[in-house]
Each structure stands twice: as structure tokens, then as C-alpha cells.
Amino acid sequence: MPTRPLPAFQAVGLSRVPQYQKGMMEILPDRCVPVAKKELRQMGPVGYACWLSGMIFIDRRKKEEARETLRQAAQTMLQENMRIWVYPEGTRNKGKTLLPFKRGAFHVAVQAQVPIIPVVISSYQDFYSSKKKMFTAGKLKIRILPKVETEDLGPEDIPALIDNIRERMQETYNEICEEMRGGKEAGK
């Protein structure tokens, strides 16, 4: 794969589960477009606003179409100095461990030869009712991990890249959730 100097602001951001979208909006960098499942477009005004904002929609049932969409995203990142924001688990997760990561974001980063910036957000379980699908007041902790370079990596490096980043994100998730529990118990 040819290498060349890249602008420092191109990156693929990864964070844990879609419920964190409010927290995501607080840390979303300039010229960054989230990737979401195509069903989000059907959510009335929210879907329309997402479409107007340029959100990249993926049809998870049509793998070839999804791959082509991500390939185009990689080209757009380079041509228009854009970033993308991806939830690597690909779906909601109520568990305490990360689900296996989908490979798409990693392929995009390696294809575009841009760094990956992992973002980890603590659990929202204490203030989210899955039955009512409603949040109450609560706090999240967000930790942005050091960027992971993809320069000189090829498709054969993607499984190890995924494992390394997932492990770092899981360790960080455990740490910040423990910090949040400690703060709660101490009355903070």
C-alpha cells in the first residue's frame, strides 16, 4: 500500500454503543460524520436531521453494499478532509464486556491510512430505563485514548489491530466504570 504524509486531522473514531449519542455530540470533532444503521433514517424528524447532516447510513443486511459505502467513505475522508465516527460493536450492548468488533471501520482506516482514535464512555445503566427507553439525570465519563496509527498497515493486519484496540477499550471501560462506581459510593 503506498504511503504518503496525511493531514493530522483525518481519523476514524470508535466509541461504545449508540445510546451515547448525546455524549458523542459533546466530543465530536469538526468535519466528522457518524456512521449509523440505515433504519435510523426512518425515525421521523430525527432520521431526517441525520440525513441532512450527512450521516453515513449502512445497510447491515447487505454486506457488499455496506462495504461499498465504507469504501466510498474512505475516499471521501481523503478527498474532503473528513472524519468518520463508528460504533465498532455495531449494535447496542447491555453487557459489561464489549461485543466483538465489526471490521468495517478498521478496513476504512487501513484503506485510507488514517489513525484510529478510540473513545470509551462509561456505562449509562444507572440512569437509563430500557423498558421505558428513557434516560434520567446521570453522569458519564468519556476517555479518549491515544491514536493508533494505521500507516503501512494492510488488510492482513486488521485482525491484530482489532484485537489490540478492543482490548485497550475494554480495559479502559472497566477502569472508568469502576471510577464512576467509586465516586457514587463516596457520595461524589
C-alpha atoms as a PDB file:
ATOM      1  CA  MET A   1       0.000   0.000   0.000  1.00  0.00           C
ATOM      2  CA  PRO A   2       1.538   3.366  -0.921  1.00  0.00           C
ATOM      3  CA  THR A   3       2.365   5.691   1.941  1.00  0.00           C
ATOM      4  CA  ARG A   4       2.222   9.438   1.949  1.00  0.00           C
ATOM      5  CA  PRO A   5       2.019  12.193   4.532  1.00  0.00           C
ATOM      6  CA  LEU A   6      -1.526  12.675   5.762  1.00  0.00           C
ATOM      7  CA  PRO A   7      -3.159  15.639   7.440  1.00  0.00           C
ATOM      8  CA  ALA A   8      -3.257  15.083  11.185  1.00  0.00           C
ATOM      9  CA  PHE A   9      -6.988  15.686  11.414  1.00  0.00           C
ATOM     10  CA  GLN A  10      -8.144  12.682   9.403  1.00  0.00           C
ATOM     11  CA  ALA A  11      -9.156   9.825  11.647  1.00  0.00           C
ATOM     12  CA  VAL A  12     -11.650   7.104  12.335  1.00  0.00           C
ATOM     13  CA  GLY A  13     -13.145   7.473  15.800  1.00  0.00           C
ATOM     14  CA  LEU A  14     -14.509   4.427  17.594  1.00  0.00           C
ATOM     15  CA  SER A  15     -16.812   4.517  20.592  1.00  0.00           C
ATOM     16  CA  ARG A  16     -19.002   2.129  22.502  1.00  0.00           C
ATOM     17  CA  VAL A  17     -22.732   1.706  21.756  1.00  0.00           C
ATOM     18  CA  PRO A  18     -25.171   4.108  20.100  1.00  0.00           C
ATOM     19  CA  GLN A  19     -27.045   5.232  23.253  1.00  0.00           C
ATOM     20  CA  TYR A  20     -24.158   7.571  23.938  1.00  0.00           C
ATOM     21  CA  GLN A  21     -25.083   9.905  21.115  1.00  0.00           C
ATOM     22  CA  LYS A  22     -25.617  12.875  23.420  1.00  0.00           C
ATOM     23  CA  GLY A  23     -22.144  12.382  24.880  1.00  0.00           C
ATOM     24  CA  MET A  24     -20.793  11.837  21.391  1.00  0.00           C
ATOM     25  CA  MET A  25     -22.121  15.214  20.255  1.00  0.00           C
ATOM     26  CA  GLU A  26     -20.121  16.899  23.018  1.00  0.00           C
ATOM     27  CA  ILE A  27     -16.808  15.496  21.778  1.00  0.00           C
ATOM     28  CA  LEU A  28     -17.482  15.123  18.064  1.00  0.00           C
ATOM     29  CA  PRO A  29     -14.613  16.767  16.182  1.00  0.00           C
ATOM     30  CA  ASP A  30     -15.102  19.216  13.331  1.00  0.00           C
ATOM     31  CA  ARG A  31     -15.856  17.749   9.891  1.00  0.00           C
ATOM     32  CA  CYS A  32     -16.846  14.405  11.397  1.00  0.00           C
ATOM     33  CA  VAL A  33     -19.746  12.289  10.180  1.00  0.00           C
ATOM     34  CA  PRO A  34     -21.169   9.393  12.203  1.00  0.00           C
ATOM     35  CA  VAL A  35     -21.928   6.017  10.627  1.00  0.00           C
ATOM     36  CA  ALA A  36     -25.286   4.510  11.585  1.00  0.00           C
ATOM     37  CA  LYS A  37     -27.621   1.720  10.586  1.00  0.00           C
ATOM     38  CA  LYS A  38     -29.943   2.651   7.761  1.00  0.00           C
ATOM     39  CA  GLU A  39     -33.037   2.091   9.919  1.00  0.00           C
ATOM     40  CA  LEU A  40     -32.243   5.354  11.719  1.00  0.00           C
ATOM     41  CA  ARG A  41     -33.425   7.218   8.610  1.00  0.00           C
ATOM     42  CA  GLN A  42     -36.957   6.005   9.355  1.00  0.00           C
ATOM     43  CA  MET A  43     -37.121   7.747  12.761  1.00  0.00           C
ATOM     44  CA  GLY A  44     -39.184  10.754  11.688  1.00  0.00           C
ATOM     45  CA  PRO A  45     -37.596  14.150  12.372  1.00  0.00           C
ATOM     46  CA  VAL A  46     -34.518  12.543  13.929  1.00  0.00           C
ATOM     47  CA  GLY A  47     -33.882  10.480  10.819  1.00  0.00           C
ATOM     48  CA  TYR A  48     -34.419  13.492   8.580  1.00  0.00           C
ATOM     49  CA  ALA A  49     -31.980  15.576  10.654  1.00  0.00           C
ATOM     50  CA  CYS A  50     -29.422  12.754  10.468  1.00  0.00           C
ATOM     51  CA  TRP A  51     -29.809  12.574   6.704  1.00  0.00           C
ATOM     52  CA  LEU A  52     -29.460  16.363   6.357  1.00  0.00           C
ATOM     53  CA  SER A  53     -26.307  16.312   8.496  1.00  0.00           C
ATOM     54  CA  GLY A  54     -24.649  13.931   6.041  1.00  0.00           C
ATOM     55  CA  MET A  55     -24.668  10.888   8.305  1.00  0.00           C
ATOM     56  CA  ILE A  56     -23.432   7.751   6.541  1.00  0.00           C
ATOM     57  CA  PHE A  57     -26.086   5.040   6.584  1.00  0.00           C
ATOM     58  CA  ILE A  58     -25.139   1.356   6.370  1.00  0.00           C
ATOM     59  CA  ASP A  59     -27.486  -1.460   5.432  1.00  0.00           C
ATOM     60  CA  ARG A  60     -26.133  -4.178   7.703  1.00  0.00           C
ATOM     61  CA  ARG A  61     -28.133  -6.873   5.895  1.00  0.00           C
ATOM     62  CA  LYS A  62     -26.458  -6.148   2.549  1.00  0.00           C
ATOM     63  CA  LYS A  63     -22.776  -6.727   3.258  1.00  0.00           C
ATOM     64  CA  GLU A  64     -21.486  -5.866  -0.212  1.00  0.00           C
ATOM     65  CA  GLU A  65     -23.453  -2.624  -0.260  1.00  0.00           C
ATOM     66  CA  ALA A  66     -22.174  -1.787   3.238  1.00  0.00           C
ATOM     67  CA  ARG A  67     -18.585  -2.459   2.156  1.00  0.00           C
ATOM     68  CA  GLU A  68     -19.004  -0.210  -0.874  1.00  0.00           C
ATOM     69  CA  THR A  69     -20.445   2.562   1.300  1.00  0.00           C
ATOM     70  CA  LEU A  70     -17.449   2.325   3.630  1.00  0.00           C
ATOM     71  CA  ARG A  71     -15.031   2.229   0.678  1.00  0.00           C
ATOM     72  CA  GLN A  72     -16.572   5.451  -0.588  1.00  0.00           C
ATOM     73  CA  ALA A  73     -16.310   6.913   2.929  1.00  0.00           C
ATOM     74  CA  ALA A  74     -12.567   6.178   2.933  1.00  0.00           C
ATOM     75  CA  GLN A  75     -12.160   8.020  -0.379  1.00  0.00           C
ATOM     76  CA  THR A  76     -14.239  10.960   0.842  1.00  0.00           C
ATOM     77  CA  MET A  77     -12.161  11.178   4.015  1.00  0.00           C
ATOM     78  CA  LEU A  78      -9.056  11.756   1.950  1.00  0.00           C
ATOM     79  CA  GLN A  79     -10.575  13.972  -0.745  1.00  0.00           C
ATOM     80  CA  GLU A  80     -12.596  16.226   1.544  1.00  0.00           C
ATOM     81  CA  ASN A  81     -10.595  16.049   4.786  1.00  0.00           C
ATOM     82  CA  MET A  82     -13.443  14.356   6.640  1.00  0.00           C
ATOM     83  CA  ARG A  83     -13.519  12.098   9.669  1.00  0.00           C
ATOM     84  CA  ILE A  84     -15.988   9.350  10.448  1.00  0.00           C
ATOM     85  CA  TRP A  85     -17.341   8.169  13.800  1.00  0.00           C
ATOM     86  CA  VAL A  86     -18.101   4.471  14.109  1.00  0.00           C
ATOM     87  CA  TYR A  87     -19.549   2.252  16.825  1.00  0.00           C
ATOM     88  CA  PRO A  88     -17.388  -0.847  16.340  1.00  0.00           C
ATOM     89  CA  GLU A  89     -19.728  -3.212  18.188  1.00  0.00           C
ATOM     90  CA  GLY A  90     -22.365  -2.475  15.566  1.00  0.00           C
ATOM     91  CA  THR A  91     -25.309  -2.757  17.969  1.00  0.00           C
ATOM     92  CA  ARG A  92     -26.468  -1.946  21.466  1.00  0.00           C
ATOM     93  CA  ASN A  93     -24.848  -3.857  24.279  1.00  0.00           C
ATOM     94  CA  LYS A  94     -26.159  -4.038  27.825  1.00  0.00           C
ATOM     95  CA  GLY A  95     -23.306  -6.252  28.998  1.00  0.00           C
ATOM     96  CA  LYS A  96     -20.175  -5.398  30.911  1.00  0.00           C
ATOM     97  CA  THR A  97     -17.882  -6.607  28.158  1.00  0.00           C
ATOM     98  CA  LEU A  98     -17.559  -5.295  24.654  1.00  0.00           C
ATOM     99  CA  LEU A  99     -19.103  -7.309  21.867  1.00  0.00           C
ATOM    100  CA  PRO A 100     -16.814  -8.478  19.061  1.00  0.00           C
ATOM    101  CA  PHE A 101     -15.950  -5.527  16.838  1.00  0.00           C
ATOM    102  CA  LYS A 102     -17.174  -5.297  13.272  1.00  0.00           C
ATOM    103  CA  ARG A 103     -14.344  -4.954  10.787  1.00  0.00           C
ATOM    104  CA  GLY A 104     -15.673  -2.117   8.603  1.00  0.00           C
ATOM    105  CA  ALA A 105     -14.186   0.851  10.483  1.00  0.00           C
ATOM    106  CA  PHE A 106     -10.811  -0.834  10.591  1.00  0.00           C
ATOM    107  CA  HIS A 107     -10.875  -1.502   6.857  1.00  0.00           C
ATOM    108  CA  VAL A 108     -11.713   2.159   6.262  1.00  0.00           C
ATOM    109  CA  ALA A 109      -8.841   3.361   8.458  1.00  0.00           C
ATOM    110  CA  VAL A 110      -6.323   0.999   6.877  1.00  0.00           C
ATOM    111  CA  GLN A 111      -7.537   1.735   3.343  1.00  0.00           C
ATOM    112  CA  ALA A 112      -7.321   5.493   3.950  1.00  0.00           C
ATOM    113  CA  GLN A 113      -4.112   5.102   6.012  1.00  0.00           C
ATOM    114  CA  VAL A 114      -5.537   7.341   8.752  1.00  0.00           C
ATOM    115  CA  PRO A 115      -5.248   6.916  12.513  1.00  0.00           C
ATOM    116  CA  ILE A 116      -7.948   5.436  14.715  1.00  0.00           C
ATOM    117  CA  ILE A 117      -8.888   7.367  17.830  1.00  0.00           C
ATOM    118  CA  PRO A 118     -10.641   5.083  20.331  1.00  0.00           C
ATOM    119  CA  VAL A 119     -13.223   6.794  22.557  1.00  0.00           C
ATOM    120  CA  VAL A 120     -14.620   4.970  25.578  1.00  0.00           C
ATOM    121  CA  ILE A 121     -17.706   6.060  27.501  1.00  0.00           C
ATOM    122  CA  SER A 122     -18.757   4.668  30.892  1.00  0.00           C
ATOM    123  CA  SER A 123     -21.961   2.739  31.484  1.00  0.00           C
ATOM    124  CA  TYR A 124     -25.312   4.525  31.454  1.00  0.00           C
ATOM    125  CA  GLN A 125     -27.170   1.632  33.147  1.00  0.00           C
ATOM    126  CA  ASP A 126     -27.795   3.594  36.363  1.00  0.00           C
ATOM    127  CA  PHE A 127     -29.870   6.225  34.580  1.00  0.00           C
ATOM    128  CA  TYR A 128     -31.409   4.504  31.564  1.00  0.00           C
ATOM    129  CA  SER A 129     -34.633   2.517  31.619  1.00  0.00           C
ATOM    130  CA  SER A 130     -34.589   0.012  28.771  1.00  0.00           C
ATOM    131  CA  LYS A 131     -38.249  -0.751  29.496  1.00  0.00           C
ATOM    132  CA  LYS A 132     -39.315   2.901  29.072  1.00  0.00           C
ATOM    133  CA  LYS A 133     -36.494   3.659  26.619  1.00  0.00           C
ATOM    134  CA  MET A 134     -35.811   6.793  28.616  1.00  0.00           C
ATOM    135  CA  PHE A 135     -32.857   8.465  30.306  1.00  0.00           C
ATOM    136  CA  THR A 136     -32.984  10.237  33.654  1.00  0.00           C
ATOM    137  CA  ALA A 137     -30.297  12.533  35.062  1.00  0.00           C
ATOM    138  CA  GLY A 138     -26.900  10.915  35.329  1.00  0.00           C
ATOM    139  CA  LYS A 139     -23.218  11.237  34.588  1.00  0.00           C
ATOM    140  CA  LEU A 140     -20.943   9.639  32.024  1.00  0.00           C
ATOM    141  CA  LYS A 141     -17.196   9.584  31.919  1.00  0.00           C
ATOM    142  CA  ILE A 142     -15.573   9.829  28.498  1.00  0.00           C
ATOM    143  CA  ARG A 143     -11.971   8.865  27.894  1.00  0.00           C
ATOM    144  CA  ILE A 144     -10.217   9.472  24.593  1.00  0.00           C
ATOM    145  CA  LEU A 145      -7.351   7.033  24.130  1.00  0.00           C
ATOM    146  CA  PRO A 146      -4.138   7.748  22.228  1.00  0.00           C
ATOM    147  CA  LYS A 147      -4.487   7.480  18.480  1.00  0.00           C
ATOM    148  CA  VAL A 148      -3.496   4.243  16.795  1.00  0.00           C
ATOM    149  CA  GLU A 149      -1.613   4.713  13.535  1.00  0.00           C
ATOM    150  CA  THR A 150      -2.546   2.631  10.519  1.00  0.00           C
ATOM    151  CA  GLU A 151       0.199   3.899   8.231  1.00  0.00           C
ATOM    152  CA  ASP A 152       1.932   0.984   6.476  1.00  0.00           C
ATOM    153  CA  LEU A 153      -0.765  -1.490   7.605  1.00  0.00           C
ATOM    154  CA  GLY A 154      -2.569  -3.691   5.119  1.00  0.00           C
ATOM    155  CA  PRO A 155      -5.683  -5.869   5.198  1.00  0.00           C
ATOM    156  CA  GLU A 156      -3.695  -8.747   6.716  1.00  0.00           C
ATOM    157  CA  ASP A 157      -3.000  -6.572   9.797  1.00  0.00           C
ATOM    158  CA  ILE A 158      -6.651  -5.848  10.549  1.00  0.00           C
ATOM    159  CA  PRO A 159      -7.410  -8.811  12.887  1.00  0.00           C
ATOM    160  CA  ALA A 160      -4.494  -7.911  15.180  1.00  0.00           C
ATOM    161  CA  LEU A 161      -5.432  -4.222  15.002  1.00  0.00           C
ATOM    162  CA  ILE A 162      -8.997  -5.035  16.057  1.00  0.00           C
ATOM    163  CA  ASP A 163      -7.845  -7.260  18.923  1.00  0.00           C
ATOM    164  CA  ASN A 164      -5.396  -4.643  20.211  1.00  0.00           C
ATOM    165  CA  ILE A 165      -7.880  -1.780  20.148  1.00  0.00           C
ATOM    166  CA  ARG A 166     -10.721  -3.846  21.582  1.00  0.00           C
ATOM    167  CA  GLU A 167      -8.529  -4.974  24.465  1.00  0.00           C
ATOM    168  CA  ARG A 168      -7.464  -1.388  25.240  1.00  0.00           C
ATOM    169  CA  MET A 169     -11.052  -0.158  25.051  1.00  0.00           C
ATOM    170  CA  GLN A 170     -12.313  -2.963  27.324  1.00  0.00           C
ATOM    171  CA  GLU A 171      -9.616  -2.224  29.936  1.00  0.00           C
ATOM    172  CA  THR A 172     -10.481   1.466  29.828  1.00  0.00           C
ATOM    173  CA  TYR A 173     -14.221   0.762  30.025  1.00  0.00           C
ATOM    174  CA  ASN A 174     -13.658  -1.369  33.131  1.00  0.00           C
ATOM    175  CA  GLU A 175     -11.489   1.370  34.690  1.00  0.00           C
ATOM    176  CA  ILE A 176     -13.869   4.255  34.109  1.00  0.00           C
ATOM    177  CA  CYS A 177     -16.921   2.256  35.210  1.00  0.00           C
ATOM    178  CA  GLU A 178     -15.078   1.376  38.417  1.00  0.00           C
ATOM    179  CA  GLU A 179     -14.160   5.044  38.891  1.00  0.00           C
ATOM    180  CA  MET A 180     -17.823   6.000  38.451  1.00  0.00           C
ATOM    181  CA  ARG A 181     -18.939   3.354  40.975  1.00  0.00           C
ATOM    182  CA  GLY A 182     -16.270   4.561  43.428  1.00  0.00           C
ATOM    183  CA  GLY A 183     -17.419   8.145  43.051  1.00  0.00           C
ATOM    184  CA  LYS A 184     -21.044   7.157  43.586  1.00  0.00           C
ATOM    185  CA  GLU A 185     -20.250   5.165  46.731  1.00  0.00           C
ATOM    186  CA  ALA A 186     -18.162   8.042  48.107  1.00  0.00           C
ATOM    187  CA  GLY A 187     -21.090  10.407  47.542  1.00  0.00           C
ATOM    188  CA  LYS A 188     -19.488  12.267  44.640  1.00  0.00           C
END
